[in-house]
Amino acid sequence: MNTVAVTKFRDLGAVIKAVRESRGIRQDDLAQDLAISRQYLQELEKERPNLYITRLFRALNTLGITITITISYTLSDKTDDHV
């Protein structure tokens, strides 16, 4: 198991991209599974802020909240399970 502290939106995009790639999932497929556009997923992975994520992390930081993400497999493992 890997644990990552996420304190800013850029951390979140990097984690999503690393896990997606380690599982061998294409952006198109993940975006479709999540019912979002591929462009939105690209922007998230490229660490481009959007209004909602910026506001979310501003609120978390103001309240002193840190998000910790636990990845239940090693990043080198690949699986067909998307979520």
Protein backbone atom coordinates (compact mmCIF):
# COMPACT_ATOMS: atom_id res chain seq x y z
CA MET A 1 0.00 0.00 0.00
CA ASN A 2 1.13 3.51 -0.79
CA THR A 3 -0.07 6.54 1.14
CA VAL A 4 0.15 10.06 -0.28
CA ALA A 5 -0.68 13.31 1.51
CA VAL A 6 -2.59 15.67 -0.74
CA THR A 7 -2.30 19.29 0.37
CA LYS A 8 -2.84 21.04 -2.95
CA PHE A 9 -4.69 20.34 -6.15
CA ARG A 10 -1.46 19.61 -8.02
CA ASP A 11 -0.84 16.60 -5.78
CA LEU A 12 -4.24 15.18 -6.68
CA GLY A 13 -3.67 15.34 -10.44
CA ALA A 14 -0.29 13.66 -10.14
CA VAL A 15 -1.74 10.80 -8.10
CA ILE A 16 -4.61 10.24 -10.53
CA LYS A 17 -2.25 10.16 -13.49
CA ALA A 18 0.25 7.83 -11.80
CA VAL A 19 -2.41 5.33 -10.75
CA ARG A 20 -4.19 5.44 -14.12
CA GLU A 21 -0.94 4.84 -15.99
CA SER A 22 0.22 2.10 -13.62
CA ARG A 23 -3.03 0.26 -14.28
CA GLY A 24 -2.67 0.66 -18.02
CA ILE A 25 -5.91 2.63 -18.31
CA ARG A 26 -6.27 5.07 -21.19
CA GLN A 27 -7.53 8.58 -20.52
CA ASP A 28 -10.44 8.03 -22.90
CA ASP A 29 -11.57 4.93 -21.02
CA LEU A 30 -11.29 6.47 -17.56
CA ALA A 31 -13.06 9.65 -18.65
CA GLN A 32 -15.88 7.58 -20.10
CA ASP A 33 -16.16 5.46 -16.93
CA LEU A 34 -16.33 8.65 -14.84
CA ALA A 35 -18.79 10.38 -17.20
CA ILE A 36 -16.43 13.34 -17.68
CA SER A 37 -14.73 14.67 -20.77
CA ARG A 38 -11.23 13.55 -21.67
CA GLN A 39 -10.25 17.24 -21.75
CA TYR A 40 -11.34 17.66 -18.12
CA LEU A 41 -9.31 14.61 -17.10
CA GLN A 42 -6.29 15.90 -19.05
CA GLU A 43 -6.49 19.26 -17.30
CA LEU A 44 -6.75 17.56 -13.93
CA GLU A 45 -3.74 15.34 -14.63
CA LYS A 46 -1.73 18.27 -16.00
CA GLU A 47 -2.37 19.99 -12.68
CA ARG A 48 -4.37 22.85 -14.13
CA PRO A 49 -6.61 24.31 -11.45
CA ASN A 50 -10.29 24.76 -11.94
CA LEU A 51 -12.65 26.82 -9.86
CA TYR A 52 -14.16 23.95 -7.89
CA ILE A 53 -10.90 22.24 -6.98
CA THR A 54 -9.29 25.57 -6.11
CA ARG A 55 -12.15 26.42 -3.76
CA LEU A 56 -12.13 22.95 -2.24
CA PHE A 57 -8.42 23.09 -1.40
CA ARG A 58 -8.71 26.68 -0.16
CA ALA A 59 -11.39 25.54 2.29
CA LEU A 60 -9.37 22.47 3.36
CA ASN A 61 -6.22 24.53 3.89
CA THR A 62 -8.07 27.21 5.82
CA LEU A 63 -9.51 24.57 8.14
CA GLY A 64 -6.17 22.78 8.49
CA ILE A 65 -7.43 19.61 6.80
CA THR A 66 -5.06 17.34 4.90
CA ILE A 67 -6.34 14.59 2.63
CA THR A 68 -4.47 11.30 2.65
CA ILE A 69 -4.93 8.93 -0.26
CA THR A 70 -4.16 5.25 0.21
CA ILE A 71 -3.45 3.27 -2.92
CA SER A 72 -4.18 -0.37 -2.18
CA TYR A 73 -1.65 -1.81 -4.64
CA THR A 74 1.82 -0.93 -5.80
CA LEU A 75 2.01 1.55 -8.65
CA SER A 76 3.71 -1.06 -10.82
CA ASP A 77 0.75 -3.47 -10.56
CA LYS A 78 -1.70 -3.48 -13.43
CA THR A 79 -5.29 -4.58 -13.16
CA ASP A 80 -8.44 -4.56 -15.25
CA ASP A 81 -10.41 -3.12 -12.33
CA HIS A 82 -10.81 0.59 -13.16
CA VAL A 83 -12.05 1.90 -9.83
